[in-house]
C-alpha atoms as a PDB file:
ATOM      1  CA  UNK A   1      15.398 210.649 117.948  1.00  0.00           C
ATOM      2  CA  UNK A   2      18.722 210.977 119.680  1.00  0.00           C
ATOM      3  CA  UNK A   3      21.673 213.259 118.196  1.00  0.00           C
ATOM      4  CA  UNK A   4      25.171 212.539 119.144  1.00  0.00           C
ATOM      5  CA  UNK A   5      28.263 214.721 118.658  1.00  0.00           C
ATOM      6  CA  UNK A   6      30.522 213.906 115.883  1.00  0.00           C
ATOM      7  CA  UNK A   7      33.694 212.445 117.402  1.00  0.00           C
ATOM      8  CA  UNK A   8      35.730 213.036 114.284  1.00  0.00           C
ATOM      9  CA  UNK A   9      38.844 215.292 114.694  1.00  0.00           C
ATOM     10  CA  UNK A  10      38.740 216.095 110.966  1.00  0.00           C
ATOM     11  CA  UNK A  11      36.543 219.224 111.722  1.00  0.00           C
ATOM     12  CA  UNK A  12      36.241 221.953 114.238  1.00  0.00           C
ATOM     13  CA  UNK A  13      33.204 221.383 116.490  1.00  0.00           C
ATOM     14  CA  UNK A  14      33.936 224.097 119.039  1.00  0.00           C
ATOM     15  CA  UNK A  15      36.836 225.974 120.708  1.00  0.00           C
ATOM     16  CA  UNK A  16      38.411 226.344 124.156  1.00  0.00           C
ATOM     17  CA  UNK A  17      36.218 229.452 124.860  1.00  0.00           C
ATOM     18  CA  UNK A  18      32.989 227.421 124.281  1.00  0.00           C
ATOM     19  CA  UNK A  19      33.715 223.814 125.299  1.00  0.00           C
ATOM     20  CA  UNK A  20      29.923 223.036 125.682  1.00  0.00           C
ATOM     21  CA  UNK A  21      28.891 224.602 122.430  1.00  0.00           C
ATOM     22  CA  UNK A  22      25.313 223.159 121.458  1.00  0.00           C
ATOM     23  CA  UNK A  23      23.185 223.214 118.420  1.00  0.00           C
ATOM     24  CA  UNK A  24      19.498 223.918 118.692  1.00  0.00           C
ATOM     25  CA  UNK A  25      17.366 221.961 116.178  1.00  0.00           C
ATOM     26  CA  UNK A  26      14.072 224.202 115.630  1.00  0.00           C
ATOM     27  CA  UNK A  27      12.571 222.117 112.749  1.00  0.00           C
ATOM     28  CA  UNK A  28      12.732 218.501 111.480  1.00  0.00           C
ATOM     29  CA  UNK A  29      10.937 217.427 108.192  1.00  0.00           C
ATOM     30  CA  UNK A  30      10.623 214.010 106.682  1.00  0.00           C
ATOM     31  CA  UNK A  31      11.309 213.895 102.916  1.00  0.00           C
ATOM     32  CA  UNK A  32       9.467 211.087 100.950  1.00  0.00           C
ATOM     33  CA  UNK A  33      10.513 210.825  97.258  1.00  0.00           C
ATOM     34  CA  UNK A  34       7.894 210.329  94.615  1.00  0.00           C
ATOM     35  CA  UNK A  35       8.707 208.393  91.474  1.00  0.00           C
ATOM     36  CA  UNK A  36       6.823 209.195  88.293  1.00  0.00           C
ATOM     37  CA  UNK A  37       7.264 207.088  85.271  1.00  0.00           C
ATOM     38  CA  UNK A  38       7.902 208.574  81.937  1.00  0.00           C
ATOM     39  CA  UNK A  39       5.463 207.386  79.257  1.00  0.00           C
ATOM     40  CA  UNK A  40       7.713 204.725  77.734  1.00  0.00           C
ATOM     41  CA  UNK A  41       8.697 203.410  81.181  1.00  0.00           C
ATOM     42  CA  UNK A  42       5.018 203.283  82.194  1.00  0.00           C
ATOM     43  CA  UNK A  43       4.271 201.272  79.166  1.00  0.00           C
ATOM     44  CA  UNK A  44       7.102 198.864  79.915  1.00  0.00           C
ATOM     45  CA  UNK A  45       6.062 198.565  83.500  1.00  0.00           C
ATOM     46  CA  UNK A  46       2.544 197.621  82.374  1.00  0.00           C
ATOM     47  CA  UNK A  47       3.920 194.961  80.152  1.00  0.00           C
ATOM     48  CA  UNK A  48       5.984 193.521  83.073  1.00  0.00           C
ATOM     49  CA  UNK A  49       2.897 193.224  85.263  1.00  0.00           C
ATOM     50  CA  UNK A  50       1.341 190.902  82.760  1.00  0.00           C
ATOM     51  CA  UNK A  51       4.296 188.314  82.952  1.00  0.00           C
ATOM     52  CA  UNK A  52       4.302 185.468  85.437  1.00  0.00           C
ATOM     53  CA  UNK A  53       8.116 184.936  85.168  1.00  0.00           C
ATOM     54  CA  UNK A  54      11.150 186.864  86.051  1.00  0.00           C
ATOM     55  CA  UNK A  55      13.676 189.129  84.286  1.00  0.00           C
ATOM     56  CA  UNK A  56      17.321 189.941  84.932  1.00  0.00           C
ATOM     57  CA  UNK A  57      18.109 193.482  86.136  1.00  0.00           C
ATOM     58  CA  UNK A  58      21.600 194.989  85.958  1.00  0.00           C
ATOM     59  CA  UNK A  59      22.892 198.197  87.563  1.00  0.00           C
ATOM     60  CA  UNK A  60      26.139 199.870  88.348  1.00  0.00           C
ATOM     61  CA  UNK A  61      27.163 199.809  92.099  1.00  0.00           C
ATOM     62  CA  UNK A  62      30.042 201.847  93.680  1.00  0.00           C
ATOM     63  CA  UNK A  63      31.969 200.368  96.452  1.00  0.00           C
ATOM     64  CA  UNK A  64      34.980 201.758  98.404  1.00  0.00           C
ATOM     65  CA  UNK A  65      37.907 199.597  99.548  1.00  0.00           C
ATOM     66  CA  UNK A  66      40.752 200.849 101.735  1.00  0.00           C
ATOM     67  CA  UNK A  67      44.260 199.511 101.963  1.00  0.00           C
ATOM     68  CA  UNK A  68      44.845 199.442 105.828  1.00  0.00           C
ATOM     69  CA  UNK A  69      48.427 198.547 105.388  1.00  0.00           C
ATOM     70  CA  UNK A  70      50.762 201.595 106.021  1.00  0.00           C
ATOM     71  CA  UNK A  71      52.843 201.821 102.897  1.00  0.00           C
ATOM     72  CA  UNK A  72      56.165 203.699 102.641  1.00  0.00           C
ATOM     73  CA  UNK A  73      57.588 202.002  99.587  1.00  0.00           C
ATOM     74  CA  UNK A  74      58.548 203.641  96.171  1.00  0.00           C
ATOM     75  CA  UNK A  75      56.693 200.878  94.226  1.00  0.00           C
ATOM     76  CA  UNK A  76      54.423 197.960  94.829  1.00  0.00           C
ATOM     77  CA  UNK A  77      51.366 195.986  93.943  1.00  0.00           C
ATOM     78  CA  UNK A  78      48.126 195.889  95.913  1.00  0.00           C
ATOM     79  CA  UNK A  79      45.323 193.337  95.695  1.00  0.00           C
ATOM     80  CA  UNK A  80      41.834 194.653  95.355  1.00  0.00           C
ATOM     81  CA  UNK A  81      39.078 192.069  96.113  1.00  0.00           C
ATOM     82  CA  UNK A  82      35.780 192.572  94.239  1.00  0.00           C
ATOM     83  CA  UNK A  83      32.210 191.542  95.108  1.00  0.00           C
ATOM     84  CA  UNK A  84      31.211 191.218  91.358  1.00  0.00           C
ATOM     85  CA  UNK A  85      32.875 189.252  88.530  1.00  0.00           C
ATOM     86  CA  UNK A  86      32.444 192.399  86.173  1.00  0.00           C
ATOM     87  CA  UNK A  87      34.249 195.637  87.086  1.00  0.00           C
ATOM     88  CA  UNK A  88      33.803 198.502  84.621  1.00  0.00           C
ATOM     89  CA  UNK A  89      35.894 201.193  86.316  1.00  0.00           C
ATOM     90  CA  UNK A  90      38.489 201.610  88.977  1.00  0.00           C
ATOM     91  CA  UNK A  91      39.172 204.911  90.946  1.00  0.00           C
ATOM     92  CA  UNK A  92      42.437 205.233  92.937  1.00  0.00           C
ATOM     93  CA  UNK A  93      42.813 207.886  95.613  1.00  0.00           C
ATOM     94  CA  UNK A  94      46.240 208.287  97.353  1.00  0.00           C
ATOM     95  CA  UNK A  95      46.562 209.890 100.737  1.00  0.00           C
ATOM     96  CA  UNK A  96      49.164 210.161 103.519  1.00  0.00           C
ATOM     97  CA  UNK A  97      48.148 208.573 106.947  1.00  0.00           C
ATOM     98  CA  UNK A  98      48.833 211.823 108.838  1.00  0.00           C
ATOM     99  CA  UNK A  99      45.760 213.447 107.239  1.00  0.00           C
ATOM    100  CA  UNK A 100      43.472 211.429 109.287  1.00  0.00           C
ATOM    101  CA  UNK A 101      41.984 212.948 112.445  1.00  0.00           C
ATOM    102  CA  UNK A 102      43.618 216.315 111.922  1.00  0.00           C
ATOM    103  CA  UNK A 103      41.627 219.299 110.743  1.00  0.00           C
ATOM    104  CA  UNK A 104      44.604 221.307 109.996  1.00  0.00           C
ATOM    105  CA  UNK A 105      45.693 218.786 107.235  1.00  0.00           C
ATOM    106  CA  UNK A 106      42.222 217.994 106.194  1.00  0.00           C
ATOM    107  CA  UNK A 107      41.512 214.379 104.962  1.00  0.00           C
ATOM    108  CA  UNK A 108      39.373 215.533 102.186  1.00  0.00           C
ATOM    109  CA  UNK A 109      42.493 216.738 100.266  1.00  0.00           C
ATOM    110  CA  UNK A 110      44.434 213.966  98.453  1.00  0.00           C
ATOM    111  CA  UNK A 111      48.110 213.474  97.753  1.00  0.00           C
ATOM    112  CA  UNK A 112      49.799 212.657  94.432  1.00  0.00           C
ATOM    113  CA  UNK A 113      52.708 211.069  96.279  1.00  0.00           C
ATOM    114  CA  UNK A 114      54.863 212.082  93.225  1.00  0.00           C
ATOM    115  CA  UNK A 115      53.691 208.975  91.447  1.00  0.00           C
ATOM    116  CA  UNK A 116      55.250 208.545  88.059  1.00  0.00           C
ATOM    117  CA  UNK A 117      53.633 205.269  86.720  1.00  0.00           C
ATOM    118  CA  UNK A 118      50.502 203.171  87.493  1.00  0.00           C
ATOM    119  CA  UNK A 119      48.504 200.330  85.943  1.00  0.00           C
ATOM    120  CA  UNK A 120      46.217 197.476  87.075  1.00  0.00           C
ATOM    121  CA  UNK A 121      46.508 193.759  86.487  1.00  0.00           C
ATOM    122  CA  UNK A 122      43.311 191.848  85.619  1.00  0.00           C
ATOM    123  CA  UNK A 123      43.275 188.102  84.987  1.00  0.00           C
ATOM    124  CA  UNK A 124      47.090 188.199  84.884  1.00  0.00           C
ATOM    125  CA  UNK A 125      47.168 190.895  82.140  1.00  0.00           C
ATOM    126  CA  UNK A 126      48.448 194.490  82.624  1.00  0.00           C
ATOM    127  CA  UNK A 127      46.119 197.273  81.623  1.00  0.00           C
ATOM    128  CA  UNK A 128      47.137 199.248  79.671  1.00  0.00           C
ATOM    129  CA  UNK A 129      49.939 197.369  78.308  1.00  0.00           C
ATOM    130  CA  UNK A 130      51.806 200.595  78.100  1.00  0.00           C
ATOM    131  CA  UNK A 131      51.496 201.774  81.621  1.00  0.00           C
ATOM    132  CA  UNK A 132      50.180 205.177  82.419  1.00  0.00           C
ATOM    133  CA  UNK A 133      53.005 207.670  83.192  1.00  0.00           C
ATOM    134  CA  UNK A 134      52.705 211.027  84.796  1.00  0.00           C
ATOM    135  CA  UNK A 135      54.746 213.845  86.234  1.00  0.00           C
ATOM    136  CA  UNK A 136      53.019 215.836  88.805  1.00  0.00           C
ATOM    137  CA  UNK A 137      55.774 218.424  89.488  1.00  0.00           C
ATOM    138  CA  UNK A 138      55.842 219.337  85.791  1.00  0.00           C
ATOM    139  CA  UNK A 139      51.944 219.334  85.570  1.00  0.00           C
ATOM    140  CA  UNK A 140      52.158 216.535  83.063  1.00  0.00           C
ATOM    141  CA  UNK A 141      48.963 214.556  84.065  1.00  0.00           C
ATOM    142  CA  UNK A 142      46.520 215.203  81.186  1.00  0.00           C
ATOM    143  CA  UNK A 143      45.344 211.552  80.825  1.00  0.00           C
ATOM    144  CA  UNK A 144      44.213 211.209  84.657  1.00  0.00           C
ATOM    145  CA  UNK A 145      42.626 214.586  84.570  1.00  0.00           C
ATOM    146  CA  UNK A 146      40.582 213.977  81.421  1.00  0.00           C
ATOM    147  CA  UNK A 147      39.647 210.452  82.716  1.00  0.00           C
ATOM    148  CA  UNK A 148      38.114 211.996  85.697  1.00  0.00           C
ATOM    149  CA  UNK A 149      36.117 214.483  83.549  1.00  0.00           C
ATOM    150  CA  UNK A 150      34.842 211.719  81.402  1.00  0.00           C
ATOM    151  CA  UNK A 151      33.907 209.612  84.362  1.00  0.00           C
ATOM    152  CA  UNK A 152      31.799 212.615  85.499  1.00  0.00           C
ATOM    153  CA  UNK A 153      30.342 212.829  81.998  1.00  0.00           C
ATOM    154  CA  UNK A 154      32.289 216.158  81.529  1.00  0.00           C
ATOM    155  CA  UNK A 155      35.007 217.283  79.179  1.00  0.00           C
ATOM    156  CA  UNK A 156      36.902 220.264  77.870  1.00  0.00           C
ATOM    157  CA  UNK A 157      34.050 220.962  75.488  1.00  0.00           C
ATOM    158  CA  UNK A 158      31.279 220.873  78.021  1.00  0.00           C
ATOM    159  CA  UNK A 159      29.308 224.122  78.627  1.00  0.00           C
ATOM    160  CA  UNK A 160      29.025 223.386  82.304  1.00  0.00           C
ATOM    161  CA  UNK A 161      32.752 223.365  82.919  1.00  0.00           C
ATOM    162  CA  UNK A 162      34.255 221.470  85.918  1.00  0.00           C
ATOM    163  CA  UNK A 163      34.694 222.402  89.535  1.00  0.00           C
ATOM    164  CA  UNK A 164      38.316 220.961  89.448  1.00  0.00           C
ATOM    165  CA  UNK A 165      40.575 222.952  87.318  1.00  0.00           C
ATOM    166  CA  UNK A 166      43.753 221.347  85.829  1.00  0.00           C
ATOM    167  CA  UNK A 167      46.297 222.729  88.459  1.00  0.00           C
ATOM    168  CA  UNK A 168      43.964 221.984  91.418  1.00  0.00           C
ATOM    169  CA  UNK A 169      43.608 218.444  90.233  1.00  0.00           C
ATOM    170  CA  UNK A 170      47.289 217.747  90.581  1.00  0.00           C
ATOM    171  CA  UNK A 171      47.596 219.679  93.883  1.00  0.00           C
ATOM    172  CA  UNK A 172      44.402 218.651  95.707  1.00  0.00           C
ATOM    173  CA  UNK A 173      42.541 215.940  94.029  1.00  0.00           C
ATOM    174  CA  UNK A 174      44.829 213.499  92.041  1.00  0.00           C
ATOM    175  CA  UNK A 175      42.292 210.800  91.366  1.00  0.00           C
ATOM    176  CA  UNK A 176      43.545 208.039  89.043  1.00  0.00           C
ATOM    177  CA  UNK A 177      40.609 206.726  87.039  1.00  0.00           C
ATOM    178  CA  UNK A 178      41.035 203.560  85.019  1.00  0.00           C
ATOM    179  CA  UNK A 179      38.155 202.725  82.740  1.00  0.00           C
ATOM    180  CA  UNK A 180      37.581 198.950  81.796  1.00  0.00           C
ATOM    181  CA  UNK A 181      34.018 199.443  80.234  1.00  0.00           C
ATOM    182  CA  UNK A 182      35.190 199.133  76.659  1.00  0.00           C
ATOM    183  CA  UNK A 183      37.427 195.991  77.353  1.00  0.00           C
ATOM    184  CA  UNK A 184      35.021 193.171  78.124  1.00  0.00           C
ATOM    185  CA  UNK A 185      37.972 190.664  78.178  1.00  0.00           C
ATOM    186  CA  UNK A 186      39.168 192.607  81.299  1.00  0.00           C
ATOM    187  CA  UNK A 187      35.960 193.686  82.737  1.00  0.00           C
ATOM    188  CA  UNK A 188      34.990 189.990  83.551  1.00  0.00           C
ATOM    189  CA  UNK A 189      37.224 188.779  86.394  1.00  0.00           C
ATOM    190  CA  UNK A 190      38.431 185.222  86.676  1.00  0.00           C
ATOM    191  CA  UNK A 191      39.052 185.229  90.490  1.00  0.00           C
ATOM    192  CA  UNK A 192      37.294 188.435  91.586  1.00  0.00           C
ATOM    193  CA  UNK A 193      40.630 190.028  92.385  1.00  0.00           C
ATOM    194  CA  UNK A 194      42.609 192.634  90.622  1.00  0.00           C
ATOM    195  CA  UNK A 195      45.834 194.455  91.412  1.00  0.00           C
ATOM    196  CA  UNK A 196      46.871 198.021  91.454  1.00  0.00           C
ATOM    197  CA  UNK A 197      50.451 198.489  90.614  1.00  0.00           C
ATOM    198  CA  UNK A 198      52.433 201.834  90.943  1.00  0.00           C
ATOM    199  CA  UNK A 199      55.863 203.465  91.035  1.00  0.00           C
ATOM    200  CA  UNK A 200      56.859 206.635  92.888  1.00  0.00           C
ATOM    201  CA  UNK A 201      59.757 208.856  91.927  1.00  0.00           C
ATOM    202  CA  UNK A 202      61.273 208.460  95.607  1.00  0.00           C
ATOM    203  CA  UNK A 203      60.422 206.943  98.914  1.00  0.00           C
ATOM    204  CA  UNK A 204      57.884 209.265 100.460  1.00  0.00           C
ATOM    205  CA  UNK A 205      59.361 208.966 104.127  1.00  0.00           C
ATOM    206  CA  UNK A 206      55.687 209.022 105.200  1.00  0.00           C
ATOM    207  CA  UNK A 207      53.122 206.289 105.584  1.00  0.00           C
ATOM    208  CA  UNK A 208      50.293 206.467 102.867  1.00  0.00           C
ATOM    209  CA  UNK A 209      47.392 204.338 101.655  1.00  0.00           C
ATOM    210  CA  UNK A 210      45.053 204.084  98.712  1.00  0.00           C
ATOM    211  CA  UNK A 211      41.343 204.465  98.702  1.00  0.00           C
ATOM    212  CA  UNK A 212      39.831 202.388  95.799  1.00  0.00           C
ATOM    213  CA  UNK A 213      36.382 203.060  94.375  1.00  0.00           C
ATOM    214  CA  UNK A 214      35.180 200.146  92.321  1.00  0.00           C
ATOM    215  CA  UNK A 215      32.293 200.457  89.815  1.00  0.00           C
ATOM    216  CA  UNK A 216      30.924 197.080  89.714  1.00  0.00           C
ATOM    217  CA  UNK A 217      28.008 195.598  87.768  1.00  0.00           C
ATOM    218  CA  UNK A 218      25.329 193.945  89.945  1.00  0.00           C
ATOM    219  CA  UNK A 219      22.649 191.538  89.046  1.00  0.00           C
ATOM    220  CA  UNK A 220      19.260 190.449  90.501  1.00  0.00           C
ATOM    221  CA  UNK A 221      15.968 188.754  89.506  1.00  0.00           C
ATOM    222  CA  UNK A 222      12.804 190.648  89.334  1.00  0.00           C
ATOM    223  CA  UNK A 223      10.154 188.076  90.107  1.00  0.00           C
ATOM    224  CA  UNK A 224       6.673 188.917  88.865  1.00  0.00           C
ATOM    225  CA  UNK A 225       3.793 186.570  89.773  1.00  0.00           C
ATOM    226  CA  UNK A 226       0.204 187.577  90.093  1.00  0.00           C
ATOM    227  CA  UNK A 227       1.150 191.308  90.204  1.00  0.00           C
ATOM    228  CA  UNK A 228       3.510 190.758  93.198  1.00  0.00           C
ATOM    229  CA  UNK A 229       7.116 191.909  92.796  1.00  0.00           C
ATOM    230  CA  UNK A 230       9.998 190.622  94.610  1.00  0.00           C
ATOM    231  CA  UNK A 231      13.919 190.951  94.163  1.00  0.00           C
ATOM    232  CA  UNK A 232      16.418 188.412  94.691  1.00  0.00           C
ATOM    233  CA  UNK A 233      20.158 188.870  94.278  1.00  0.00           C
ATOM    234  CA  UNK A 234      21.338 186.750  91.423  1.00  0.00           C
ATOM    235  CA  UNK A 235      24.148 184.298  92.409  1.00  0.00           C
ATOM    236  CA  UNK A 236      26.324 182.996  89.430  1.00  0.00           C
END
């Protein structure tokens, strides 16, 4: 086993006083997960073992796409390619370029860019038809905040609360979540490309980009023959 120093400049590894700072590893353990079936799942599994055929399996997969183009415009439209023809949610994260490789600015903090309007275009149709509008300086961003809470299966009535309070959301973590799960006519893509559209109040005077997290629906075959199980990605 060989360890290498993290070359990222987004964190402080050492300082000028200790340029050869080292970390001593005293113990290493191997973690092996063990899966135990619930009773109903065990019964279903035993039923599948008796089949000499295949079934379709679907699951949600999260994938990150980054706009490498350095943007400095006050409005625009950005194509987002997908690997699946079914997308149930899109998460947009805005950030200035100068946060990268600088621990003082911290690339784990995002920027609202003073965005005032945003929507996506799917199959040539805008969603929502009445575009989302926000005003971050006035703390008017209730919809994107509640959308993020809902995506994390949390809400204002949850007893567990949320680690991101309303004010901090606008200042540090302005994630724009667009849920398509209830709109099957939009969730299924014709050309496996959707577009994110936005408007800023003013030109930022600084380069920025978008991180896009896509929640896609994946499919595969589970083949069962003589108690042998194999998975194959399903190609439509």
